[in-house]
Amino acid sequence: MQKTRLLIAALGAMCALPALAEDAAVTKHKEDVHVIPPSAHTFTSNVGLFSDYIFRGISQTGQKPAIQGGFDYAHSSGFYAGVWGSSISWISDGALANNAGLELDTYFGFKNSFAGDFTYDVGFLRYNYPSGTYANPIPANFAKADTDEIYGALGYKWITAKYSYSTGDTFAVSQARGTGYFDLSASYPIPDTGITVGAHYGRQSYKGNSASNLKATGADPSYTDYKLSVSKDFSGFVFGLAYSRANASTATGAYYKVLNRDLGRATAVLSLSRSF
């Protein structure tokens, strides 16, 4: 009986040896594998076609189509920077310059989350209009369209409040330092549908002597705008429909009435965009 027990124990030890060897091999294999950590740097791009380029409730293309696109860099720390461009016509349509058909924006900032569902975003944005030959002299109360803004935003889940502050001439209105735009937006993705619905309220408030002079002539550049939107993602291609309206002045000689068009009129915009 004792011999039988010893034989069984020996056989058991021999059977265990391959398993132990296999475990050792697996352990060694795991140690040899080089795990590549995720990159701290992210590069993305985007392109889109729009039936109208609406910015803060105002058509930038004379109610005609636009093509847009951009490149972005983001770091895991929250820092980001990018460049974005679009076709435009409003500067030339308003006879402020000839052949001004491009907007090219550059920006950088820092954004992150805190306390769970809260987010913040602070940064700098320059609106560049590099093409076109401006009138000489430029009419009183007006300036080149290039604009610098600093901004800050605070978000909670799908609601965001943002304020942009201009540091000088603002979208062709001269001496407009302190001009601001308040943006309250909601964007809600409906679960498991690829559909996102949105709503927006904005207020553009111009400051400075030039804005006061324009207001005195009935061409007040300050206004309020609204927008409702819906989009659907089809395998990375996003189809969008938005309804926009601004109560910008259309009095004779008004800032937002160009070529007899109300640039802030109620309008629906169709879009197709893709990010890479």
Protein backbone atom coordinates (compact mmCIF):
# COMPACT_ATOMS: atom_id res chain seq x y z
CA MET A 1 0.00 0.00 0.00
CA GLN A 2 2.82 2.36 0.83
CA LYS A 3 4.47 1.64 -2.50
CA THR A 4 1.20 2.32 -4.32
CA ARG A 5 0.85 5.70 -2.65
CA LEU A 6 4.39 6.65 -3.57
CA LEU A 7 3.78 5.65 -7.19
CA ILE A 8 0.61 7.76 -7.42
CA ALA A 9 2.43 10.77 -5.92
CA ALA A 10 5.27 10.40 -8.40
CA LEU A 11 2.90 10.18 -11.35
CA GLY A 12 1.07 13.26 -10.08
CA ALA A 13 4.32 15.21 -9.86
CA MET A 14 5.26 14.16 -13.38
CA CYS A 15 1.88 15.32 -14.72
CA ALA A 16 2.26 18.66 -12.98
CA LEU A 17 5.68 19.34 -14.55
CA PRO A 18 4.31 20.19 -18.05
CA ALA A 19 1.73 22.55 -16.52
CA LEU A 20 4.40 24.26 -14.45
CA ALA A 21 6.63 24.51 -17.49
CA GLU A 22 3.73 25.95 -19.51
CA ASP A 23 2.99 28.53 -16.78
CA ALA A 24 6.64 29.50 -16.72
CA ALA A 25 6.67 29.86 -20.50
CA VAL A 26 3.56 32.04 -20.42
CA THR A 27 5.05 34.17 -17.68
CA LYS A 28 8.28 34.53 -19.62
CA HIS A 29 6.34 35.36 -22.79
CA LYS A 30 4.39 38.09 -20.98
CA GLU A 31 7.61 39.58 -19.70
CA ASP A 32 9.03 39.65 -23.22
CA VAL A 33 6.01 41.45 -24.74
CA HIS A 34 6.61 45.19 -25.22
CA VAL A 35 3.38 47.04 -24.46
CA ILE A 36 3.20 50.31 -26.40
CA PRO A 37 1.51 52.97 -24.26
CA PRO A 38 -1.16 55.13 -25.93
CA SER A 39 0.22 58.30 -27.49
CA ALA A 40 -0.25 61.57 -25.66
CA HIS A 41 -0.65 63.31 -29.03
CA THR A 42 -3.72 63.24 -31.26
CA PHE A 43 -4.03 64.63 -34.78
CA THR A 44 -7.39 64.93 -36.53
CA SER A 45 -8.83 66.62 -39.59
CA ASN A 46 -12.30 67.50 -40.87
CA VAL A 47 -14.00 68.60 -44.07
CA GLY A 48 -17.56 69.65 -44.81
CA LEU A 49 -19.97 70.97 -47.42
CA PHE A 50 -22.67 73.43 -46.33
CA SER A 51 -25.61 74.96 -48.19
CA ASP A 52 -24.81 78.24 -46.36
CA TYR A 53 -22.07 79.28 -43.93
CA ILE A 54 -23.90 80.68 -40.91
CA PHE A 55 -21.70 82.22 -38.20
CA ARG A 56 -23.42 83.56 -35.10
CA GLY A 57 -26.67 83.71 -37.04
CA ILE A 58 -25.26 85.69 -39.99
CA SER A 59 -24.58 84.30 -43.47
CA GLN A 60 -20.92 84.63 -44.41
CA THR A 61 -21.44 83.53 -48.02
CA GLY A 62 -24.38 85.66 -49.15
CA GLN A 63 -26.72 82.69 -48.57
CA LYS A 64 -24.69 80.51 -50.95
CA PRO A 65 -22.87 77.19 -50.35
CA ALA A 66 -19.49 76.89 -48.64
CA ILE A 67 -16.73 74.33 -48.33
CA GLN A 68 -14.89 74.09 -45.01
CA GLY A 69 -12.13 72.07 -43.40
CA GLY A 70 -9.50 72.05 -40.69
CA PHE A 71 -6.68 70.31 -38.84
CA ASP A 72 -6.41 69.86 -35.07
CA TYR A 73 -3.80 68.77 -32.56
CA ALA A 74 -4.63 67.72 -28.99
CA HIS A 75 -2.41 66.67 -26.07
CA SER A 76 -3.51 64.43 -23.22
CA SER A 77 -2.84 67.31 -20.83
CA GLY A 78 -5.77 69.21 -22.35
CA PHE A 79 -3.80 71.56 -24.61
CA TYR A 80 -5.02 71.89 -28.19
CA ALA A 81 -4.35 73.96 -31.29
CA GLY A 82 -5.65 74.05 -34.82
CA VAL A 83 -6.38 75.79 -38.07
CA TRP A 84 -9.73 75.95 -39.88
CA GLY A 85 -10.82 77.51 -43.15
CA SER A 86 -13.96 78.32 -45.13
CA SER A 87 -15.00 80.01 -48.32
CA ILE A 88 -16.73 83.37 -47.68
CA SER A 89 -18.06 86.39 -49.60
CA TRP A 90 -19.38 88.91 -47.04
CA ILE A 91 -16.35 91.23 -47.16
CA SER A 92 -16.47 91.58 -50.94
CA ASP A 93 -20.28 91.64 -51.02
CA GLY A 94 -20.17 94.62 -48.66
CA ALA A 95 -17.68 96.42 -50.95
CA LEU A 96 -15.14 96.60 -48.14
CA ALA A 97 -12.57 94.67 -50.21
CA ASN A 98 -12.22 92.93 -53.56
CA ASN A 99 -11.68 89.19 -53.98
CA ALA A 100 -11.87 88.46 -50.25
CA GLY A 101 -13.02 84.86 -50.50
CA LEU A 102 -11.26 83.05 -47.66
CA GLU A 103 -11.52 82.85 -43.88
CA LEU A 104 -8.59 81.09 -42.21
CA ASP A 105 -8.79 80.80 -38.42
CA THR A 106 -6.01 79.82 -36.02
CA TYR A 107 -6.55 78.95 -32.37
CA PHE A 108 -5.14 77.30 -29.28
CA GLY A 109 -6.41 76.63 -25.79
CA PHE A 110 -6.75 74.28 -22.87
CA LYS A 111 -9.77 72.19 -21.95
CA ASN A 112 -10.49 69.45 -19.48
CA SER A 113 -13.10 68.02 -17.15
CA PHE A 114 -13.55 68.29 -13.40
CA ALA A 115 -15.96 67.20 -10.67
CA GLY A 116 -17.35 64.45 -12.84
CA ASP A 117 -19.65 65.94 -15.47
CA PHE A 118 -18.24 69.48 -15.60
CA THR A 119 -15.90 70.74 -18.34
CA TYR A 120 -14.00 73.95 -18.98
CA ASP A 121 -12.31 75.45 -22.05
CA VAL A 122 -10.20 78.60 -22.31
CA GLY A 123 -8.31 79.83 -25.35
CA PHE A 124 -7.45 82.33 -28.05
CA LEU A 125 -8.89 82.53 -31.57
CA ARG A 126 -7.82 84.70 -34.47
CA TYR A 127 -10.14 85.12 -37.47
CA ASN A 128 -7.89 85.74 -40.48
CA TYR A 129 -9.10 87.02 -43.85
CA PRO A 130 -5.86 86.88 -45.85
CA SER A 131 -7.17 87.43 -49.37
CA GLY A 132 -8.64 90.58 -50.85
CA THR A 133 -7.66 94.18 -51.49
CA TYR A 134 -9.32 96.64 -49.13
CA ALA A 135 -10.80 99.96 -50.15
CA ASN A 136 -8.44 102.90 -49.71
CA PRO A 137 -9.45 104.62 -47.56
CA ILE A 138 -11.62 102.21 -45.60
CA PRO A 139 -15.00 103.86 -44.84
CA ALA A 140 -15.47 105.58 -41.48
CA ASN A 141 -16.36 103.28 -38.56
CA PHE A 142 -14.99 100.26 -40.43
CA ALA A 143 -11.67 98.37 -40.45
CA LYS A 144 -10.12 95.22 -41.85
CA ALA A 145 -12.06 92.13 -40.92
CA ASP A 146 -9.27 90.32 -39.00
CA THR A 147 -10.42 89.75 -35.41
CA ASP A 148 -8.79 88.49 -32.20
CA GLU A 149 -10.83 86.93 -29.40
CA ILE A 150 -10.14 85.26 -26.09
CA TYR A 151 -12.79 82.93 -24.75
CA GLY A 152 -13.87 80.85 -21.81
CA ALA A 153 -16.50 78.13 -21.59
CA LEU A 154 -18.07 76.09 -18.82
CA GLY A 155 -20.06 72.96 -19.54
CA TYR A 156 -22.21 70.51 -17.63
CA LYS A 157 -23.04 67.24 -19.39
CA TRP A 158 -24.62 68.40 -22.68
CA ILE A 159 -25.07 72.12 -21.88
CA THR A 160 -22.33 74.72 -22.43
CA ALA A 161 -22.08 78.46 -21.74
CA LYS A 162 -19.30 80.35 -23.51
CA TYR A 163 -18.18 83.98 -23.66
CA SER A 164 -15.86 85.42 -26.30
CA TYR A 165 -14.16 88.79 -25.78
CA SER A 166 -12.73 90.84 -28.65
CA THR A 167 -9.42 92.64 -28.12
CA GLY A 168 -9.77 95.23 -30.90
CA ASP A 169 -11.38 95.75 -34.32
CA THR A 170 -14.18 93.19 -34.63
CA PHE A 171 -15.38 91.74 -37.93
CA ALA A 172 -14.74 95.03 -39.79
CA VAL A 173 -16.15 97.31 -37.07
CA SER A 174 -13.28 99.54 -35.93
CA GLN A 175 -12.31 100.43 -32.34
CA ALA A 176 -14.53 97.67 -30.96
CA ARG A 177 -12.40 96.43 -28.07
CA GLY A 178 -14.66 94.86 -25.43
CA THR A 179 -17.18 93.55 -27.92
CA GLY A 180 -18.47 90.20 -26.69
CA TYR A 181 -20.47 87.20 -27.78
CA PHE A 182 -22.42 85.07 -25.31
CA ASP A 183 -23.25 81.55 -26.46
CA LEU A 184 -25.58 79.15 -24.61
CA SER A 185 -25.76 75.80 -26.39
CA ALA A 186 -27.13 72.31 -25.79
CA SER A 187 -26.10 69.22 -27.73
CA TYR A 188 -27.70 65.91 -26.81
CA PRO A 189 -26.76 62.59 -28.47
CA ILE A 190 -29.74 60.22 -28.46
CA PRO A 191 -28.39 56.86 -27.24
CA ASP A 192 -27.90 54.06 -29.79
CA THR A 193 -29.18 56.11 -32.73
CA GLY A 194 -26.26 58.16 -34.05
CA ILE A 195 -28.60 61.17 -33.86
CA THR A 196 -27.67 64.39 -32.07
CA VAL A 197 -30.10 67.23 -31.44
CA GLY A 198 -29.04 70.75 -30.51
CA ALA A 199 -30.27 74.20 -29.56
CA HIS A 200 -28.46 77.52 -29.33
CA TYR A 201 -28.98 81.08 -28.13
CA GLY A 202 -26.42 83.80 -28.81
CA ARG A 203 -25.97 87.51 -28.20
CA GLN A 204 -23.43 89.63 -30.10
CA SER A 205 -22.88 92.95 -28.30
CA TYR A 206 -20.64 95.54 -29.98
CA LYS A 207 -18.82 98.16 -27.92
CA GLY A 208 -16.91 101.33 -28.78
CA ASN A 209 -17.39 104.63 -30.62
CA SER A 210 -17.78 103.08 -34.07
CA ALA A 211 -20.55 100.78 -32.86
CA SER A 212 -22.31 103.78 -31.30
CA ASN A 213 -21.98 105.75 -34.54
CA LEU A 214 -23.43 102.87 -36.56
CA LYS A 215 -26.29 102.48 -34.09
CA ALA A 216 -27.10 106.19 -34.46
CA THR A 217 -27.56 105.70 -38.22
CA GLY A 218 -29.90 102.73 -37.75
CA ALA A 219 -27.16 100.19 -38.56
CA ASP A 220 -26.78 98.77 -35.02
CA PRO A 221 -24.29 95.88 -35.30
CA SER A 222 -25.50 94.21 -32.06
CA TYR A 223 -28.09 91.43 -32.34
CA THR A 224 -29.41 88.12 -30.97
CA ASP A 225 -29.47 84.79 -32.80
CA TYR A 226 -31.08 81.37 -32.35
CA LYS A 227 -30.55 77.92 -33.84
CA LEU A 228 -32.08 74.44 -33.72
CA SER A 229 -30.23 71.50 -35.24
CA VAL A 230 -30.26 67.75 -35.79
CA SER A 231 -27.57 65.48 -37.22
CA LYS A 232 -27.17 61.80 -38.02
CA ASP A 233 -23.92 59.83 -38.21
CA PHE A 234 -23.71 57.26 -40.99
CA SER A 235 -20.44 55.34 -40.57
CA GLY A 236 -18.45 58.54 -40.01
CA PHE A 237 -20.34 60.70 -42.48
CA VAL A 238 -22.49 63.23 -40.60
CA PHE A 239 -25.59 64.67 -42.27
CA GLY A 240 -26.96 67.79 -40.61
CA LEU A 241 -29.96 70.08 -40.78
CA ALA A 242 -30.07 73.38 -38.89
CA TYR A 243 -32.56 76.22 -38.65
CA SER A 244 -31.04 79.62 -37.83
CA ARG A 245 -32.40 83.14 -37.29
CA ALA A 246 -30.89 86.46 -36.17
CA ASN A 247 -32.70 89.72 -35.41
CA ALA A 248 -29.91 91.81 -36.97
CA SER A 249 -30.85 95.23 -38.30
CA THR A 250 -31.89 95.49 -41.97
CA ALA A 251 -32.45 99.25 -42.03
CA THR A 252 -31.09 101.15 -45.04
CA GLY A 253 -27.31 100.98 -44.93
CA ALA A 254 -27.41 98.40 -42.14
CA TYR A 255 -24.39 96.23 -41.45
CA TYR A 256 -26.30 92.99 -42.16
CA LYS A 257 -28.16 93.99 -45.32
CA VAL A 258 -25.82 93.37 -48.25
CA LEU A 259 -26.75 93.25 -51.96
CA ASN A 260 -30.35 93.67 -50.80
CA ARG A 261 -30.10 90.42 -48.81
CA ASP A 262 -30.97 90.03 -45.14
CA LEU A 263 -27.94 88.04 -43.96
CA GLY A 264 -29.61 87.15 -40.68
CA ARG A 265 -32.91 85.95 -42.10
CA ALA A 266 -34.47 82.66 -41.01
CA THR A 267 -32.82 79.92 -43.02
CA ALA A 268 -32.33 76.16 -43.11
CA VAL A 269 -28.83 74.80 -43.70
CA LEU A 270 -28.00 71.32 -44.96
CA SER A 271 -24.54 69.90 -44.36
CA LEU A 272 -22.38 66.85 -44.94
CA SER A 273 -19.16 66.51 -42.95
CA ARG A 274 -16.52 63.95 -42.10
CA SER A 275 -13.73 63.78 -39.50
CA PHE A 276 -10.56 61.73 -39.89
